[in-house]
Amino acid sequence: RTYFQFPLDELNMTEAMDDDFNKFNWDWIHDSVLSATKWGKLKTNLLLVGMPDVSTPVHYDGMENLFSMIYGHKRCILFDPRQFKGLYPFPNNHPHDRQSQVDFDNPNFEMFPRFREVHGYEAILGPGEVLYIPAYWWHYIESERDSMTVSLNFWFSA
């Protein structure tokens, strides 16, 4: 179960991709999001194409994220950063240092007892829907079991 990640920038976009990207309603981002927040500039975009039944390990990002669905559906569970002790992050400088050590499909409560106290906010996203994932909020994302998915992240400096 894998997915394809592709950063969208001027170095690796075809002319057709660039044309499609420029058709996006960037005024919406500026007028509705950036003017109402103290976010910095758009830092990067990441196109994600996933096979059926793929999950992203529980992790956090250091940027503000507008997670947009293009095709298929994904289940997203967000966790307040104050719950980090129950998510048992890997140590700093570990290759997975922004990820949880807990296997969400089969949690080991003897090894991770505080995980029982963790509560998240769940959303199911479909095509055309956007979820705001605040910087430093932990999140778990899984694709639907019977279909491929396509999503696009818009990451802004926090």
Protein backbone atom coordinates (compact mmCIF):
# COMPACT_ATOMS: atom_id res chain seq x y z
CA ARG A 1 0.00 0.00 0.00
CA THR A 2 1.81 3.04 -1.24
CA TYR A 3 1.18 6.53 -2.44
CA PHE A 4 2.99 8.89 -4.73
CA GLN A 5 4.14 12.32 -3.46
CA PHE A 6 5.15 15.00 -5.90
CA PRO A 7 6.15 18.55 -4.94
CA LEU A 8 4.65 21.10 -7.29
CA ASP A 9 7.16 23.80 -8.14
CA GLU A 10 8.64 25.39 -11.22
CA LEU A 11 11.42 22.79 -11.39
CA ASN A 12 9.24 19.74 -11.93
CA MET A 13 5.95 20.84 -13.50
CA THR A 14 5.10 20.31 -17.13
CA GLU A 15 3.65 23.18 -19.15
CA ALA A 16 0.18 21.57 -19.00
CA MET A 17 0.43 21.18 -15.20
CA ASP A 18 1.56 24.79 -14.91
CA ASP A 19 -1.43 25.93 -16.99
CA ASP A 20 -3.85 23.97 -14.77
CA PHE A 21 -2.19 25.24 -11.60
CA ASN A 22 -2.47 28.85 -12.78
CA LYS A 23 -6.22 28.38 -13.35
CA PHE A 24 -6.70 27.88 -9.61
CA ASN A 25 -8.64 30.66 -7.89
CA TRP A 26 -5.66 32.21 -6.09
CA ASP A 27 -7.79 35.24 -5.12
CA TRP A 28 -9.74 32.90 -2.83
CA ILE A 29 -6.53 31.96 -1.00
CA HIS A 30 -5.48 35.59 -0.70
CA ASP A 31 -8.85 37.18 0.08
CA SER A 32 -10.35 34.46 2.27
CA VAL A 33 -7.33 32.95 3.99
CA LEU A 34 -4.21 35.08 4.02
CA SER A 35 -6.02 38.35 4.73
CA ALA A 36 -7.84 36.76 7.69
CA THR A 37 -4.77 35.09 9.23
CA LYS A 38 -1.22 35.94 10.15
CA TRP A 39 0.18 33.20 7.95
CA GLY A 40 3.20 33.74 5.81
CA LYS A 41 3.49 33.08 2.11
CA LEU A 42 2.63 29.84 0.36
CA LYS A 43 5.74 27.70 0.84
CA THR A 44 4.98 24.59 -1.17
CA ASN A 45 2.36 22.32 -2.63
CA LEU A 46 2.42 18.56 -2.53
CA LEU A 47 0.36 16.38 -4.87
CA LEU A 48 -0.52 13.01 -3.34
CA VAL A 49 -1.86 10.10 -5.39
CA GLY A 50 -2.80 7.11 -3.26
CA MET A 51 -3.73 3.52 -3.86
CA PRO A 52 -6.82 2.16 -2.09
CA ASP A 53 -6.57 1.54 1.67
CA VAL A 54 -3.47 3.68 2.35
CA SER A 55 -2.83 5.48 5.62
CA THR A 56 -0.37 8.20 6.54
CA PRO A 57 1.37 7.66 9.90
CA VAL A 58 0.22 9.99 12.66
CA HIS A 59 2.45 13.05 12.50
CA TYR A 60 2.51 16.83 12.67
CA ASP A 61 3.84 19.48 10.30
CA GLY A 62 5.39 22.82 11.20
CA MET A 63 3.36 24.74 8.61
CA GLU A 64 -0.26 25.76 8.18
CA ASN A 65 -1.91 23.33 5.77
CA LEU A 66 -4.96 23.56 3.52
CA PHE A 67 -5.52 19.91 2.63
CA SER A 68 -7.72 19.66 -0.47
CA MET A 69 -9.34 16.58 -1.96
CA ILE A 70 -9.43 16.23 -5.72
CA TYR A 71 -10.56 12.63 -6.22
CA GLY A 72 -11.86 9.96 -3.86
CA HIS A 73 -12.40 10.26 -0.10
CA LYS A 74 -10.08 10.39 2.89
CA ARG A 75 -10.74 10.09 6.61
CA CYS A 76 -8.77 12.62 8.64
CA ILE A 77 -8.37 12.62 12.41
CA LEU A 78 -6.78 15.69 14.00
CA PHE A 79 -5.28 15.80 17.50
CA ASP A 80 -4.61 18.93 19.53
CA PRO A 81 -0.86 19.43 20.11
CA ARG A 82 -1.50 19.36 23.88
CA GLN A 83 -2.13 15.60 23.54
CA PHE A 84 1.43 14.89 22.39
CA LYS A 85 2.32 12.87 25.51
CA GLY A 86 -0.44 10.37 24.68
CA LEU A 87 0.77 10.12 21.08
CA TYR A 88 4.30 9.10 22.12
CA PRO A 89 6.38 10.93 19.51
CA PHE A 90 9.68 9.46 18.43
CA PRO A 91 12.70 11.24 20.02
CA ASN A 92 14.16 14.37 18.43
CA ASN A 93 16.63 13.65 15.61
CA HIS A 94 15.08 10.21 15.04
CA PRO A 95 14.24 9.60 11.34
CA HIS A 96 10.53 9.68 12.33
CA ASP A 97 10.81 12.46 14.93
CA ARG A 98 7.50 14.13 13.98
CA GLN A 99 5.57 10.84 14.04
CA SER A 100 3.78 8.84 16.71
CA GLN A 101 5.20 5.51 17.84
CA VAL A 102 1.67 4.15 18.34
CA ASP A 103 0.25 1.74 15.76
CA PHE A 104 -3.28 3.12 15.44
CA ASP A 105 -4.57 -0.12 13.88
CA ASN A 106 -3.29 -2.22 16.78
CA PRO A 107 -2.27 -0.02 19.74
CA ASN A 108 -0.12 -1.58 22.46
CA PHE A 109 -1.71 -0.11 25.60
CA GLU A 110 0.87 -1.74 27.88
CA MET A 111 3.66 0.13 26.08
CA PHE A 112 1.61 3.30 25.43
CA PRO A 113 -0.97 3.56 28.26
CA ARG A 114 -1.68 7.31 27.81
CA PHE A 115 -2.89 6.61 24.28
CA ARG A 116 -6.24 5.56 25.81
CA GLU A 117 -6.78 9.23 26.78
CA VAL A 118 -6.22 10.64 23.27
CA HIS A 119 -9.29 12.05 21.51
CA GLY A 120 -9.35 13.48 18.01
CA TYR A 121 -11.58 15.39 15.64
CA GLU A 122 -12.69 13.36 12.63
CA ALA A 123 -13.64 14.54 9.15
CA ILE A 124 -14.36 12.70 5.91
CA LEU A 125 -13.25 14.69 2.87
CA GLY A 126 -14.51 14.26 -0.67
CA PRO A 127 -13.72 15.91 -3.99
CA GLY A 128 -13.72 19.71 -3.82
CA GLU A 129 -13.53 19.83 -0.02
CA VAL A 130 -10.73 21.49 1.95
CA LEU A 131 -9.62 20.81 5.53
CA TYR A 132 -7.50 23.25 7.51
CA ILE A 133 -4.79 21.42 9.46
CA PRO A 134 -3.15 23.90 11.86
CA ALA A 135 0.61 23.88 12.29
CA TYR A 136 1.77 21.39 14.94
CA TRP A 137 -1.59 19.59 15.09
CA TRP A 138 -1.12 15.84 14.86
CA HIS A 139 -3.09 14.12 12.11
CA TYR A 140 -3.85 10.66 10.82
CA ILE A 141 -5.12 10.32 7.26
CA GLU A 142 -6.42 7.21 5.53
CA SER A 143 -7.84 6.73 2.05
CA GLU A 144 -11.00 4.82 1.29
CA ARG A 145 -10.63 1.09 0.84
CA ASP A 146 -12.02 0.71 -2.68
CA SER A 147 -10.66 3.64 -4.66
CA MET A 148 -7.55 5.59 -5.49
CA THR A 149 -7.32 9.12 -4.09
CA VAL A 150 -5.78 12.37 -5.23
CA SER A 151 -5.20 15.29 -2.86
CA LEU A 152 -3.17 18.49 -2.82
CA ASN A 153 -1.57 20.25 0.16
CA PHE A 154 -1.11 24.01 0.30
CA TRP A 155 1.52 24.67 3.00
CA PHE A 156 2.02 28.19 4.35
CA SER A 157 4.70 29.37 6.77
CA ALA A 158 3.33 29.56 10.30
